[in-house]
Amino acid sequence: MFKYILKLFVVDKDDLSILAISNVKAFCEKNMKNNYELTIIDIDKQIELAQKNRILAIPTLIKEEPSPEQRFIGNLSDTENLFRLFRL
């Protein structure tokens, strides 16, 4: 069984980022249980990771695994799109 590997790029204390963190955590806990690894990256503190991952907007969620890599930009409140992204 595969594990979802996720990176969420945010800016600390940004309202959209705070909402995205809450939405992603709630979605993952409800729909993926313990079958995911979520890394939250504050681009103000880790700009090199944002550059390496070519982050152009925040918040950005990257699903690295399972392949193919996919990106979702915004507050991540659209659970229908999240279901499609994760193929649940």
PDB file of N, CA and C in Angstrom:
ATOM      1  N   MET A   1       0.849  -1.187   0.000  1.00  0.00           N
ATOM      2  CA  MET A   1       0.000   0.000   0.000  1.00  0.00           C
ATOM      3  C   MET A   1       0.888   1.241   0.000  1.00  0.00           C
ATOM      4  N   PHE A   2       0.515   2.211  -0.802  1.00  0.00           N
ATOM      5  CA  PHE A   2       1.299   3.438  -0.897  1.00  0.00           C
ATOM      6  C   PHE A   2       0.904   4.434   0.180  1.00  0.00           C
ATOM      7  N   LYS A   3       1.777   5.404   0.372  1.00  0.00           N
ATOM      8  CA  LYS A   3       1.540   6.474   1.331  1.00  0.00           C
ATOM      9  C   LYS A   3       1.563   7.792   0.565  1.00  0.00           C
ATOM     10  N   TYR A   4       0.620   8.675   0.874  1.00  0.00           N
ATOM     11  CA  TYR A   4       0.599   9.999   0.264  1.00  0.00           C
ATOM     12  C   TYR A   4       1.700  10.854   0.885  1.00  0.00           C
ATOM     13  N   ILE A   5       2.545  11.438   0.042  1.00  0.00           N
ATOM     14  CA  ILE A   5       3.595  12.352   0.482  1.00  0.00           C
ATOM     15  C   ILE A   5       3.191  13.743   0.007  1.00  0.00           C
ATOM     16  N   LEU A   6       2.967  14.640   0.965  1.00  0.00           N
ATOM     17  CA  LEU A   6       2.438  15.973   0.668  1.00  0.00           C
ATOM     18  C   LEU A   6       3.341  17.058   1.222  1.00  0.00           C
ATOM     19  N   LYS A   7       3.446  18.157   0.467  1.00  0.00           N
ATOM     20  CA  LYS A   7       4.128  19.360   0.936  1.00  0.00           C
ATOM     21  C   LYS A   7       3.159  20.521   0.772  1.00  0.00           C
ATOM     22  N   LEU A   8       2.996  21.285   1.840  1.00  0.00           N
ATOM     23  CA  LEU A   8       2.131  22.460   1.799  1.00  0.00           C
ATOM     24  C   LEU A   8       2.999  23.688   2.029  1.00  0.00           C
ATOM     25  N   PHE A   9       3.076  24.538   1.015  1.00  0.00           N
ATOM     26  CA  PHE A   9       3.866  25.767   1.091  1.00  0.00           C
ATOM     27  C   PHE A   9       2.954  26.912   1.502  1.00  0.00           C
ATOM     28  N   VAL A  10       3.345  27.602   2.571  1.00  0.00           N
ATOM     29  CA  VAL A  10       2.517  28.662   3.155  1.00  0.00           C
ATOM     30  C   VAL A  10       3.396  29.838   3.572  1.00  0.00           C
ATOM     31  N   VAL A  11       2.733  30.905   3.993  1.00  0.00           N
ATOM     32  CA  VAL A  11       3.394  32.033   4.649  1.00  0.00           C
ATOM     33  C   VAL A  11       2.779  32.139   6.033  1.00  0.00           C
ATOM     34  N   ASP A  12       3.626  32.067   7.057  1.00  0.00           N
ATOM     35  CA  ASP A  12       3.160  32.139   8.438  1.00  0.00           C
ATOM     36  C   ASP A  12       2.331  33.397   8.657  1.00  0.00           C
ATOM     37  N   LYS A  13       1.233  33.251   9.342  1.00  0.00           N
ATOM     38  CA  LYS A  13       0.336  34.343   9.730  1.00  0.00           C
ATOM     39  C   LYS A  13      -0.460  34.936   8.572  1.00  0.00           C
ATOM     40  N   ASP A  14      -0.440  34.296   7.406  1.00  0.00           N
ATOM     41  CA  ASP A  14      -1.277  34.700   6.282  1.00  0.00           C
ATOM     42  C   ASP A  14      -2.619  33.983   6.419  1.00  0.00           C
ATOM     43  N   ASP A  15      -3.720  34.725   6.314  1.00  0.00           N
ATOM     44  CA  ASP A  15      -5.049  34.140   6.535  1.00  0.00           C
ATOM     45  C   ASP A  15      -5.334  32.958   5.612  1.00  0.00           C
ATOM     46  N   LEU A  16      -5.010  33.083   4.319  1.00  0.00           N
ATOM     47  CA  LEU A  16      -5.242  31.969   3.392  1.00  0.00           C
ATOM     48  C   LEU A  16      -4.394  30.754   3.764  1.00  0.00           C
ATOM     49  N   SER A  17      -3.172  30.997   4.189  1.00  0.00           N
ATOM     50  CA  SER A  17      -2.295  29.895   4.582  1.00  0.00           C
ATOM     51  C   SER A  17      -2.814  29.185   5.823  1.00  0.00           C
ATOM     52  N   ILE A  18      -3.266  29.950   6.793  1.00  0.00           N
ATOM     53  CA  ILE A  18      -3.822  29.364   8.019  1.00  0.00           C
ATOM     54  C   ILE A  18      -5.038  28.509   7.689  1.00  0.00           C
ATOM     55  N   LEU A  19      -5.895  29.013   6.810  1.00  0.00           N
ATOM     56  CA  LEU A  19      -7.079  28.260   6.390  1.00  0.00           C
ATOM     57  C   LEU A  19      -6.676  27.000   5.626  1.00  0.00           C
ATOM     58  N   ALA A  20      -5.690  27.115   4.750  1.00  0.00           N
ATOM     59  CA  ALA A  20      -5.232  25.955   3.982  1.00  0.00           C
ATOM     60  C   ALA A  20      -4.676  24.867   4.894  1.00  0.00           C
ATOM     61  N   ILE A  21      -3.891  25.249   5.882  1.00  0.00           N
ATOM     62  CA  ILE A  21      -3.339  24.273   6.830  1.00  0.00           C
ATOM     63  C   ILE A  21      -4.468  23.525   7.528  1.00  0.00           C
ATOM     64  N   SER A  22      -5.436  24.266   8.011  1.00  0.00           N
ATOM     65  CA  SER A  22      -6.576  23.659   8.700  1.00  0.00           C
ATOM     66  C   SER A  22      -7.354  22.734   7.767  1.00  0.00           C
ATOM     67  N   ASN A  23      -7.620  23.195   6.547  1.00  0.00           N
ATOM     68  CA  ASN A  23      -8.388  22.400   5.583  1.00  0.00           C
ATOM     69  C   ASN A  23      -7.662  21.117   5.194  1.00  0.00           C
ATOM     70  N   VAL A  24      -6.367  21.211   4.927  1.00  0.00           N
ATOM     71  CA  VAL A  24      -5.602  20.027   4.516  1.00  0.00           C
ATOM     72  C   VAL A  24      -5.515  19.018   5.654  1.00  0.00           C
ATOM     73  N   LYS A  25      -5.225  19.488   6.847  1.00  0.00           N
ATOM     74  CA  LYS A  25      -5.142  18.569   7.989  1.00  0.00           C
ATOM     75  C   LYS A  25      -6.474  17.860   8.216  1.00  0.00           C
ATOM     76  N   ALA A  26      -7.568  18.597   8.181  1.00  0.00           N
ATOM     77  CA  ALA A  26      -8.892  17.998   8.393  1.00  0.00           C
ATOM     78  C   ALA A  26      -9.214  16.990   7.293  1.00  0.00           C
ATOM     79  N   PHE A  27      -8.948  17.349   6.045  1.00  0.00           N
ATOM     80  CA  PHE A  27      -9.218  16.450   4.923  1.00  0.00           C
ATOM     81  C   PHE A  27      -8.402  15.166   5.046  1.00  0.00           C
ATOM     82  N   CYS A  28      -7.123  15.304   5.328  1.00  0.00           N
ATOM     83  CA  CYS A  28      -6.252  14.131   5.425  1.00  0.00           C
ATOM     84  C   CYS A  28      -6.660  13.220   6.576  1.00  0.00           C
ATOM     85  N   GLU A  29      -6.936  13.795   7.730  1.00  0.00           N
ATOM     86  CA  GLU A  29      -7.342  12.985   8.884  1.00  0.00           C
ATOM     87  C   GLU A  29      -8.641  12.232   8.608  1.00  0.00           C
ATOM     88  N   LYS A  30      -9.565  12.892   7.954  1.00  0.00           N
ATOM     89  CA  LYS A  30     -10.868  12.276   7.693  1.00  0.00           C
ATOM     90  C   LYS A  30     -10.794  11.215   6.598  1.00  0.00           C
ATOM     91  N   ASN A  31     -10.014  11.463   5.552  1.00  0.00           N
ATOM     92  CA  ASN A  31     -10.063  10.613   4.366  1.00  0.00           C
ATOM     93  C   ASN A  31      -8.860   9.701   4.152  1.00  0.00           C
ATOM     94  N   MET A  32      -7.742  10.006   4.800  1.00  0.00           N
ATOM     95  CA  MET A  32      -6.545   9.198   4.580  1.00  0.00           C
ATOM     96  C   MET A  32      -6.018   8.556   5.851  1.00  0.00           C
ATOM     97  N   LYS A  33      -6.646   8.863   6.957  1.00  0.00           N
ATOM     98  CA  LYS A  33      -6.249   8.317   8.261  1.00  0.00           C
ATOM     99  C   LYS A  33      -4.748   8.486   8.475  1.00  0.00           C
ATOM    100  N   ASN A  34      -4.031   7.404   8.693  1.00  0.00           N
ATOM    101  CA  ASN A  34      -2.583   7.478   8.933  1.00  0.00           C
ATOM    102  C   ASN A  34      -1.768   7.183   7.679  1.00  0.00           C
ATOM    103  N   ASN A  35      -2.398   7.279   6.523  1.00  0.00           N
ATOM    104  CA  ASN A  35      -1.760   6.902   5.272  1.00  0.00           C
ATOM    105  C   ASN A  35      -1.182   8.105   4.522  1.00  0.00           C
ATOM    106  N   TYR A  36      -0.642   9.081   5.260  1.00  0.00           N
ATOM    107  CA  TYR A  36      -0.075  10.260   4.607  1.00  0.00           C
ATOM    108  C   TYR A  36       1.030  10.859   5.467  1.00  0.00           C
ATOM    109  N   GLU A  37       1.881  11.614   4.795  1.00  0.00           N
ATOM    110  CA  GLU A  37       2.936  12.384   5.467  1.00  0.00           C
ATOM    111  C   GLU A  37       2.826  13.813   4.939  1.00  0.00           C
ATOM    112  N   LEU A  38       2.524  14.749   5.829  1.00  0.00           N
ATOM    113  CA  LEU A  38       2.331  16.150   5.453  1.00  0.00           C
ATOM    114  C   LEU A  38       3.457  16.990   6.036  1.00  0.00           C
ATOM    115  N   THR A  39       4.160  17.709   5.155  1.00  0.00           N
ATOM    116  CA  THR A  39       5.197  18.645   5.576  1.00  0.00           C
ATOM    117  C   THR A  39       4.711  20.048   5.264  1.00  0.00           C
ATOM    118  N   ILE A  40       4.686  20.908   6.280  1.00  0.00           N
ATOM    119  CA  ILE A  40       4.267  22.299   6.096  1.00  0.00           C
ATOM    120  C   ILE A  40       5.526  23.154   6.042  1.00  0.00           C
ATOM    121  N   ILE A  41       5.653  23.918   4.965  1.00  0.00           N
ATOM    122  CA  ILE A  41       6.860  24.705   4.720  1.00  0.00           C
ATOM    123  C   ILE A  41       6.498  26.182   4.658  1.00  0.00           C
ATOM    124  N   ASP A  42       7.062  26.956   5.580  1.00  0.00           N
ATOM    125  CA  ASP A  42       6.886  28.410   5.595  1.00  0.00           C
ATOM    126  C   ASP A  42       7.933  28.996   4.654  1.00  0.00           C
ATOM    127  N   ILE A  43       7.483  29.573   3.539  1.00  0.00           N
ATOM    128  CA  ILE A  43       8.446  30.034   2.540  1.00  0.00           C
ATOM    129  C   ILE A  43       9.269  31.228   3.012  1.00  0.00           C
ATOM    130  N   ASP A  44       8.796  31.956   4.009  1.00  0.00           N
ATOM    131  CA  ASP A  44       9.608  33.044   4.563  1.00  0.00           C
ATOM    132  C   ASP A  44      10.843  32.504   5.280  1.00  0.00           C
ATOM    133  N   LYS A  45      10.724  31.298   5.829  1.00  0.00           N
ATOM    134  CA  LYS A  45      11.830  30.696   6.575  1.00  0.00           C
ATOM    135  C   LYS A  45      12.647  29.725   5.730  1.00  0.00           C
ATOM    136  N   GLN A  46      12.044  29.225   4.641  1.00  0.00           N
ATOM    137  CA  GLN A  46      12.726  28.239   3.799  1.00  0.00           C
ATOM    138  C   GLN A  46      12.550  28.599   2.327  1.00  0.00           C
ATOM    139  N   ILE A  47      13.015  29.783   1.963  1.00  0.00           N
ATOM    140  CA  ILE A  47      12.844  30.277   0.599  1.00  0.00           C
ATOM    141  C   ILE A  47      13.504  29.367  -0.432  1.00  0.00           C
ATOM    142  N   GLU A  48      14.610  28.714  -0.046  1.00  0.00           N
ATOM    143  CA  GLU A  48      15.302  27.835  -0.991  1.00  0.00           C
ATOM    144  C   GLU A  48      14.420  26.660  -1.410  1.00  0.00           C
ATOM    145  N   LEU A  49      13.595  26.146  -0.496  1.00  0.00           N
ATOM    146  CA  LEU A  49      12.668  25.060  -0.853  1.00  0.00           C
ATOM    147  C   LEU A  49      11.570  25.557  -1.781  1.00  0.00           C
ATOM    148  N   ALA A  50      11.122  26.775  -1.558  1.00  0.00           N
ATOM    149  CA  ALA A  50      10.115  27.362  -2.444  1.00  0.00           C
ATOM    150  C   ALA A  50      10.688  27.533  -3.850  1.00  0.00           C
ATOM    151  N   GLN A  51      11.916  27.989  -3.943  1.00  0.00           N
ATOM    152  CA  GLN A  51      12.554  28.164  -5.247  1.00  0.00           C
ATOM    153  C   GLN A  51      12.791  26.819  -5.923  1.00  0.00           C
ATOM    154  N   LYS A  52      13.286  25.860  -5.166  1.00  0.00           N
ATOM    155  CA  LYS A  52      13.557  24.526  -5.710  1.00  0.00           C
ATOM    156  C   LYS A  52      12.284  23.880  -6.253  1.00  0.00           C
ATOM    157  N   ASN A  53      11.166  24.106  -5.559  1.00  0.00           N
ATOM    158  CA  ASN A  53       9.890  23.517  -5.965  1.00  0.00           C
ATOM    159  C   ASN A  53       9.081  24.427  -6.883  1.00  0.00           C
ATOM    160  N   ARG A  54       9.671  25.553  -7.280  1.00  0.00           N
ATOM    161  CA  ARG A  54       9.049  26.505  -8.212  1.00  0.00           C
ATOM    162  C   ARG A  54       7.669  26.961  -7.746  1.00  0.00           C
ATOM    163  N   ILE A  55       7.616  27.399  -6.504  1.00  0.00           N
ATOM    164  CA  ILE A  55       6.367  27.886  -5.933  1.00  0.00           C
ATOM    165  C   ILE A  55       6.140  29.321  -6.401  1.00  0.00           C
ATOM    166  N   LEU A  56       5.025  29.543  -7.086  1.00  0.00           N
ATOM    167  CA  LEU A  56       4.695  30.859  -7.625  1.00  0.00           C
ATOM    168  C   LEU A  56       3.557  31.528  -6.878  1.00  0.00           C
ATOM    169  N   ALA A  57       2.789  30.744  -6.131  1.00  0.00           N
ATOM    170  CA  ALA A  57       1.645  31.276  -5.381  1.00  0.00           C
ATOM    171  C   ALA A  57       1.519  30.490  -4.088  1.00  0.00           C
ATOM    172  N   ILE A  58       0.947  31.136  -3.094  1.00  0.00           N
ATOM    173  CA  ILE A  58       0.718  30.439  -1.831  1.00  0.00           C
ATOM    174  C   ILE A  58      -0.739  30.635  -1.428  1.00  0.00           C
ATOM    175  N   PRO A  59      -1.291  29.693  -0.724  1.00  0.00           N
ATOM    176  CA  PRO A  59      -0.723  28.387  -0.392  1.00  0.00           C
ATOM    177  C   PRO A  59      -0.728  27.444  -1.599  1.00  0.00           C
ATOM    178  N   THR A  60       0.272  26.575  -1.657  1.00  0.00           N
ATOM    179  CA  THR A  60       0.374  25.548  -2.695  1.00  0.00           C
ATOM    180  C   THR A  60       0.579  24.200  -2.025  1.00  0.00           C
ATOM    181  N   LEU A  61      -0.261  23.239  -2.400  1.00  0.00           N
ATOM    182  CA  LEU A  61      -0.128  21.861  -1.925  1.00  0.00           C
ATOM    183  C   LEU A  61       0.442  21.030  -3.066  1.00  0.00           C
ATOM    184  N   ILE A  62       1.524  20.307  -2.787  1.00  0.00           N
ATOM    185  CA  ILE A  62       2.115  19.401  -3.770  1.00  0.00           C
ATOM    186  C   ILE A  62       1.924  17.973  -3.277  1.00  0.00           C
ATOM    187  N   LYS A  63       1.328  17.158  -4.137  1.00  0.00           N
ATOM    188  CA  LYS A  63       1.246  15.715  -3.869  1.00  0.00           C
ATOM    189  C   LYS A  63       2.399  15.082  -4.636  1.00  0.00           C
ATOM    190  N   GLU A  64       3.418  14.648  -3.899  1.00  0.00           N
ATOM    191  CA  GLU A  64       4.588  14.050  -4.543  1.00  0.00           C
ATOM    192  C   GLU A  64       4.391  12.569  -4.830  1.00  0.00           C
ATOM    193  N   GLU A  65       3.789  11.879  -3.911  1.00  0.00           N
ATOM    194  CA  GLU A  65       3.541  10.439  -4.050  1.00  0.00           C
ATOM    195  C   GLU A  65       2.108  10.159  -3.669  1.00  0.00           C
ATOM    196  N   PRO A  66       1.474   9.230  -4.305  1.00  0.00           N
ATOM    197  CA  PRO A  66       1.946   8.459  -5.445  1.00  0.00           C
ATOM    198  C   PRO A  66       2.015   9.329  -6.704  1.00  0.00           C
ATOM    199  N   SER A  67       2.850   8.912  -7.626  1.00  0.00           N
ATOM    200  CA  SER A  67       3.015   9.623  -8.893  1.00  0.00           C
ATOM    201  C   SER A  67       1.711   9.594  -9.675  1.00  0.00           C
ATOM    202  N   PRO A  68       1.491  10.566 -10.529  1.00  0.00           N
ATOM    203  CA  PRO A  68       2.348  11.697 -10.869  1.00  0.00           C
ATOM    204  C   PRO A  68       2.198  12.822  -9.845  1.00  0.00           C
ATOM    205  N   GLU A  69       3.220  13.683  -9.791  1.00  0.00           N
ATOM    206  CA  GLU A  69       3.143  14.852  -8.913  1.00  0.00           C
ATOM    207  C   GLU A  69       2.004  15.745  -9.386  1.00  0.00           C
ATOM    208  N   GLN A  70       1.263  16.293  -8.409  1.00  0.00           N
ATOM    209  CA  GLN A  70       0.167  17.211  -8.717  1.00  0.00           C
ATOM    210  C   GLN A  70       0.208  18.376  -7.748  1.00  0.00           C
ATOM    211  N   ARG A  71      -0.332  19.522  -8.203  1.00  0.00           N
ATOM    212  CA  ARG A  71      -0.348  20.741  -7.388  1.00  0.00           C
ATOM    213  C   ARG A  71      -1.763  21.282  -7.285  1.00  0.00           C
ATOM    214  N   PHE A  72      -2.016  21.881  -6.139  1.00  0.00           N
ATOM    215  CA  PHE A  72      -3.310  22.506  -5.876  1.00  0.00           C
ATOM    216  C   PHE A  72      -3.013  23.831  -5.190  1.00  0.00           C
ATOM    217  N   ILE A  73      -3.548  24.915  -5.737  1.00  0.00           N
ATOM    218  CA  ILE A  73      -3.268  26.252  -5.208  1.00  0.00           C
ATOM    219  C   ILE A  73      -4.545  26.849  -4.639  1.00  0.00           C
ATOM    220  N   GLY A  74      -4.441  27.470  -3.470  1.00  0.00           N
ATOM    221  CA  GLY A  74      -5.590  28.130  -2.857  1.00  0.00           C
ATOM    222  C   GLY A  74      -5.775  27.688  -1.419  1.00  0.00           C
ATOM    223  N   ASN A  75      -6.942  28.014  -0.851  1.00  0.00           N
ATOM    224  CA  ASN A  75      -7.172  27.710   0.566  1.00  0.00           C
ATOM    225  C   ASN A  75      -7.564  26.254   0.808  1.00  0.00           C
ATOM    226  N   LEU A  76      -7.720  25.487  -0.278  1.00  0.00           N
ATOM    227  CA  LEU A  76      -7.960  24.044  -0.213  1.00  0.00           C
ATOM    228  C   LEU A  76      -9.275  23.688   0.463  1.00  0.00           C
ATOM    229  N   SER A  77     -10.259  24.555   0.324  1.00  0.00           N
ATOM    230  CA  SER A  77     -11.574  24.283   0.906  1.00  0.00           C
ATOM    231  C   SER A  77     -12.466  23.490  -0.047  1.00  0.00           C
ATOM    232  N   ASP A  78     -12.071  23.355  -1.304  1.00  0.00           N
ATOM    233  CA  ASP A  78     -12.859  22.630  -2.300  1.00  0.00           C
ATOM    234  C   ASP A  78     -12.546  21.139  -2.190  1.00  0.00           C
ATOM    235  N   THR A  79     -13.302  20.452  -1.349  1.00  0.00           N
ATOM    236  CA  THR A  79     -13.014  19.036  -1.101  1.00  0.00           C
ATOM    237  C   THR A  79     -13.232  18.177  -2.343  1.00  0.00           C
ATOM    238  N   GLU A  80     -14.103  18.601  -3.240  1.00  0.00           N
ATOM    239  CA  GLU A  80     -14.324  17.844  -4.475  1.00  0.00           C
ATOM    240  C   GLU A  80     -13.030  17.779  -5.296  1.00  0.00           C
ATOM    241  N   ASN A  81     -12.342  18.910  -5.399  1.00  0.00           N
ATOM    242  CA  ASN A  81     -11.062  18.922  -6.111  1.00  0.00           C
ATOM    243  C   ASN A  81     -10.006  18.114  -5.370  1.00  0.00           C
ATOM    244  N   LEU A  82     -10.029  18.150  -4.053  1.00  0.00           N
ATOM    245  CA  LEU A  82      -9.075  17.350  -3.282  1.00  0.00           C
ATOM    246  C   LEU A  82      -9.313  15.858  -3.495  1.00  0.00           C
ATOM    247  N   PHE A  83     -10.578  15.442  -3.563  1.00  0.00           N
ATOM    248  CA  PHE A  83     -10.880  14.038  -3.839  1.00  0.00           C
ATOM    249  C   PHE A  83     -10.313  13.628  -5.195  1.00  0.00           C
ATOM    250  N   ARG A  84     -10.459  14.505  -6.192  1.00  0.00           N
ATOM    251  CA  ARG A  84      -9.905  14.202  -7.517  1.00  0.00           C
ATOM    252  C   ARG A  84      -8.378  14.147  -7.470  1.00  0.00           C
ATOM    253  N   LEU A  85      -7.776  15.092  -6.768  1.00  0.00           N
ATOM    254  CA  LEU A  85      -6.319  15.140  -6.657  1.00  0.00           C
ATOM    255  C   LEU A  85      -5.779  13.843  -6.056  1.00  0.00           C
ATOM    256  N   PHE A  86      -6.441  13.356  -5.025  1.00  0.00           N
ATOM    257  CA  PHE A  86      -5.975  12.156  -4.333  1.00  0.00           C
ATOM    258  C   PHE A  86      -6.605  10.872  -4.858  1.00  0.00           C
ATOM    259  N   ARG A  87      -7.508  11.006  -5.815  1.00  0.00           N
ATOM    260  CA  ARG A  87      -8.193   9.850  -6.411  1.00  0.00           C
ATOM    261  C   ARG A  87      -8.869   8.982  -5.354  1.00  0.00           C
ATOM    262  N   LEU A  88      -9.597   9.641  -4.461  1.00  0.00           N
ATOM    263  CA  LEU A  88     -10.295   8.917  -3.385  1.00  0.00           C
ATOM    264  C   LEU A  88     -11.730   8.635  -3.777  1.00  0.00           C
TER     265      LEU A  88
END
